[in-house]
Amino acid sequence: PIIRSGECPSFHKMGEYSFQDLCRDLFEAEPGIAVCEGYGTRGQRQNGIDLLAHRQDGNGVEVGQCKCYEQISPADISSVSDEFLRHWEGHWSRRNVKRFILFVACDLSRREIQDEIVEQSQRFRALGIAYEAWSKLRIRSKLQSQPPIVRTHLYPPDLWAQIICGTAPISLPASSTR
């Protein structure tokens, strides 16, 4: 099959943990973020998040939830938000959360999904938290300036780096191959 420039990888085929690792690295590359790590291991309670990012200015944290879904519904989006907010009073309200990002491996352009994102944004804004939903297209767009992340998480690495980032494959100098 022909892959066109700017093609979007099938992120949903990566598997949930590989997708979460990709999102972690992309979150850590965001301006103002010092470090981002997974929040909890398999079987641990995660209080409604998968990723915890510490800000460079030391003023609070940012969090992320990753959904490696081929499709998502408005009810799924509401459920993800509800899960985080269930832990607001007992846990997150004391942590100075500045931003919540829902990373999804699928498209978010359907009108009813966009309406739900607006609804959730308003809920979170009332708590002083910015709410963002990153679709597969937004993730691809963020990856355009991140060839090392593309090469780490997508296969074949040089092909995807060329498609997403417009970078040529890495070739070793002739002297290093002897």
Protein backbone atom coordinates (compact mmCIF):
# COMPACT_ATOMS: atom_id res chain seq x y z
CA PRO A 1 0.00 0.00 0.00
CA ILE A 2 1.05 3.55 -0.68
CA ILE A 3 1.65 5.69 2.39
CA ARG A 4 1.34 9.39 1.79
CA SER A 5 3.35 12.11 3.46
CA GLY A 6 1.68 13.05 6.74
CA GLU A 7 -0.02 9.65 7.04
CA CYS A 8 -1.26 8.87 10.54
CA PRO A 9 -0.06 5.64 12.15
CA SER A 10 -2.64 3.20 13.49
CA PHE A 11 -1.80 4.06 17.09
CA HIS A 12 -4.58 1.77 18.36
CA LYS A 13 -2.61 -1.24 17.07
CA MET A 14 0.36 -0.43 19.33
CA GLY A 15 -1.23 -1.92 22.42
CA GLU A 16 -2.13 0.01 25.55
CA TYR A 17 1.29 0.00 27.23
CA SER A 18 3.26 0.93 24.11
CA PHE A 19 0.75 3.69 23.40
CA GLN A 20 1.10 4.94 26.97
CA ASP A 21 4.91 4.99 26.62
CA LEU A 22 4.60 7.04 23.42
CA CYS A 23 2.25 9.49 25.16
CA ARG A 24 4.59 9.71 28.17
CA ASP A 25 7.53 10.70 25.98
CA LEU A 26 5.40 13.18 24.04
CA PHE A 27 4.04 14.70 27.28
CA GLU A 28 7.58 15.04 28.65
CA ALA A 29 8.55 16.95 25.47
CA GLU A 30 5.83 19.57 26.12
CA PRO A 31 7.08 23.08 26.96
CA GLY A 32 7.27 23.64 30.71
CA ILE A 33 7.42 19.93 31.64
CA ALA A 34 10.47 18.75 33.56
CA VAL A 35 9.68 15.04 33.72
CA CYS A 36 6.75 12.73 33.03
CA GLU A 37 6.37 9.19 34.33
CA GLY A 38 3.74 6.50 34.36
CA TYR A 39 1.57 6.71 37.45
CA GLY A 40 1.38 3.28 39.02
CA THR A 41 2.04 -0.19 37.70
CA ARG A 42 -0.31 -2.89 36.51
CA GLY A 43 -2.73 -3.71 39.32
CA GLN A 44 -2.14 -0.51 41.32
CA ARG A 45 -4.86 2.09 41.80
CA GLN A 46 -4.06 5.06 39.60
CA ASN A 47 -6.68 7.54 40.81
CA GLY A 48 -7.94 8.21 37.29
CA ILE A 49 -4.65 8.89 35.50
CA ASP A 50 -1.89 7.02 33.66
CA LEU A 51 0.74 9.79 33.48
CA LEU A 52 2.05 12.30 36.00
CA ALA A 53 4.11 15.23 34.71
CA HIS A 54 6.06 17.60 36.95
CA ARG A 55 6.31 21.18 35.78
CA GLN A 56 9.70 22.87 35.38
CA ASP A 57 8.55 25.85 37.46
CA GLY A 58 7.67 23.54 40.36
CA ASN A 59 4.15 24.98 40.40
CA GLY A 60 1.90 21.94 40.38
CA VAL A 61 1.56 18.91 38.16
CA GLU A 62 -0.11 17.93 34.92
CA VAL A 63 -1.76 14.56 34.37
CA GLY A 64 -2.75 12.33 31.49
CA GLN A 65 -5.05 9.41 30.78
CA CYS A 66 -4.30 7.21 27.76
CA LYS A 67 -6.93 5.29 25.80
CA CYS A 68 -5.60 3.04 23.06
CA TYR A 69 -9.01 2.75 21.41
CA GLU A 70 -9.84 2.38 17.72
CA GLN A 71 -13.04 4.35 18.43
CA ILE A 72 -14.28 6.32 21.40
CA SER A 73 -17.75 7.46 22.39
CA PRO A 74 -18.95 10.53 24.27
CA ALA A 75 -19.85 8.19 27.16
CA ASP A 76 -16.24 6.90 27.21
CA ILE A 77 -14.92 10.46 27.44
CA SER A 78 -17.35 11.28 30.25
CA SER A 79 -16.36 8.08 32.07
CA VAL A 80 -12.64 8.93 31.90
CA SER A 81 -13.36 12.37 33.36
CA ASP A 82 -15.63 10.92 36.05
CA GLU A 83 -12.91 8.48 37.11
CA PHE A 84 -10.41 11.31 37.64
CA LEU A 85 -12.96 13.52 39.40
CA ARG A 86 -13.94 10.67 41.77
CA HIS A 87 -10.45 11.09 43.21
CA TRP A 88 -10.47 14.90 43.23
CA GLU A 89 -11.38 15.57 46.86
CA GLY A 90 -9.43 12.71 48.40
CA HIS A 91 -6.30 12.98 46.30
CA TRP A 92 -5.83 15.43 43.40
CA SER A 93 -7.19 18.64 44.97
CA ARG A 94 -4.06 18.75 47.18
CA ARG A 95 -1.66 18.26 44.26
CA ASN A 96 -2.24 21.55 42.37
CA VAL A 97 -3.21 19.91 39.06
CA LYS A 98 -2.90 22.44 36.23
CA ARG A 99 -3.83 20.35 33.16
CA PHE A 100 -5.51 17.06 32.30
CA ILE A 101 -4.83 15.52 28.89
CA LEU A 102 -6.88 12.67 27.47
CA PHE A 103 -4.66 10.94 24.89
CA VAL A 104 -6.61 8.77 22.45
CA ALA A 105 -5.39 6.58 19.61
CA CYS A 106 -8.39 7.44 17.44
CA ASP A 107 -10.20 10.28 15.73
CA LEU A 108 -12.19 12.81 17.78
CA SER A 109 -13.82 14.84 15.01
CA ARG A 110 -17.42 13.61 15.31
CA ARG A 111 -19.66 16.45 16.47
CA GLU A 112 -21.06 14.60 19.50
CA ILE A 113 -17.51 13.83 20.66
CA GLN A 114 -16.45 17.45 20.26
CA ASP A 115 -19.53 18.53 22.24
CA GLU A 116 -18.57 16.14 25.04
CA ILE A 117 -15.01 17.51 25.09
CA VAL A 118 -16.42 21.03 25.49
CA GLU A 119 -18.63 19.76 28.34
CA GLN A 120 -15.68 18.16 30.12
CA SER A 121 -13.52 21.25 29.57
CA GLN A 122 -16.12 23.29 31.42
CA ARG A 123 -16.27 20.79 34.31
CA PHE A 124 -12.50 20.86 34.73
CA ARG A 125 -12.23 24.64 34.27
CA ALA A 126 -14.54 25.03 37.30
CA LEU A 127 -11.75 23.33 39.31
CA GLY A 128 -9.00 25.45 37.74
CA ILE A 129 -7.75 22.66 35.47
CA ALA A 130 -7.19 22.98 31.73
CA TYR A 131 -8.71 19.98 29.91
CA GLU A 132 -7.34 18.78 26.57
CA ALA A 133 -8.19 15.81 24.38
CA TRP A 134 -5.45 14.74 21.96
CA SER A 135 -6.68 12.71 19.00
CA LYS A 136 -4.49 10.58 16.77
CA LEU A 137 -4.16 13.60 14.46
CA ARG A 138 -3.05 15.89 17.29
CA ILE A 139 -0.56 13.27 18.46
CA ARG A 140 0.83 12.97 14.92
CA SER A 141 1.07 16.76 14.72
CA LYS A 142 2.96 16.91 18.04
CA LEU A 143 5.30 14.17 16.78
CA GLN A 144 6.31 16.19 13.70
CA SER A 145 9.01 17.98 15.69
CA GLN A 146 10.05 14.84 17.61
CA PRO A 147 11.93 12.42 15.30
CA PRO A 148 13.65 10.64 18.24
CA ILE A 149 10.26 9.83 19.81
CA VAL A 150 8.92 8.62 16.46
CA ARG A 151 11.97 6.40 15.97
CA THR A 152 11.67 5.00 19.49
CA HIS A 153 8.00 4.03 19.30
CA LEU A 154 7.00 3.42 15.66
CA TYR A 155 8.13 0.67 13.31
CA PRO A 156 9.79 0.85 10.87
CA PRO A 157 11.39 3.85 12.60
CA ASP A 158 13.07 5.63 9.69
CA LEU A 159 10.00 5.25 7.48
CA TRP A 160 7.70 6.80 10.07
CA ALA A 161 10.21 9.55 10.88
CA GLN A 162 10.29 10.41 7.19
CA ILE A 163 6.48 10.30 6.85
CA ILE A 164 5.65 12.22 10.03
CA CYS A 165 8.67 14.48 10.49
CA GLY A 166 9.95 14.77 6.94
CA THR A 167 13.38 13.60 8.03
CA ALA A 168 15.68 11.47 5.96
CA PRO A 169 16.67 8.06 7.29
CA ILE A 170 19.75 7.95 9.48
CA SER A 171 22.81 6.66 7.65
CA LEU A 172 26.17 6.01 9.18
CA PRO A 173 29.27 7.64 7.67
CA ALA A 174 31.22 5.23 5.42
CA SER A 175 34.19 5.31 7.83
CA SER A 176 32.11 3.90 10.72
CA THR A 177 30.97 0.83 8.79
CA ARG A 178 34.49 -0.61 8.38
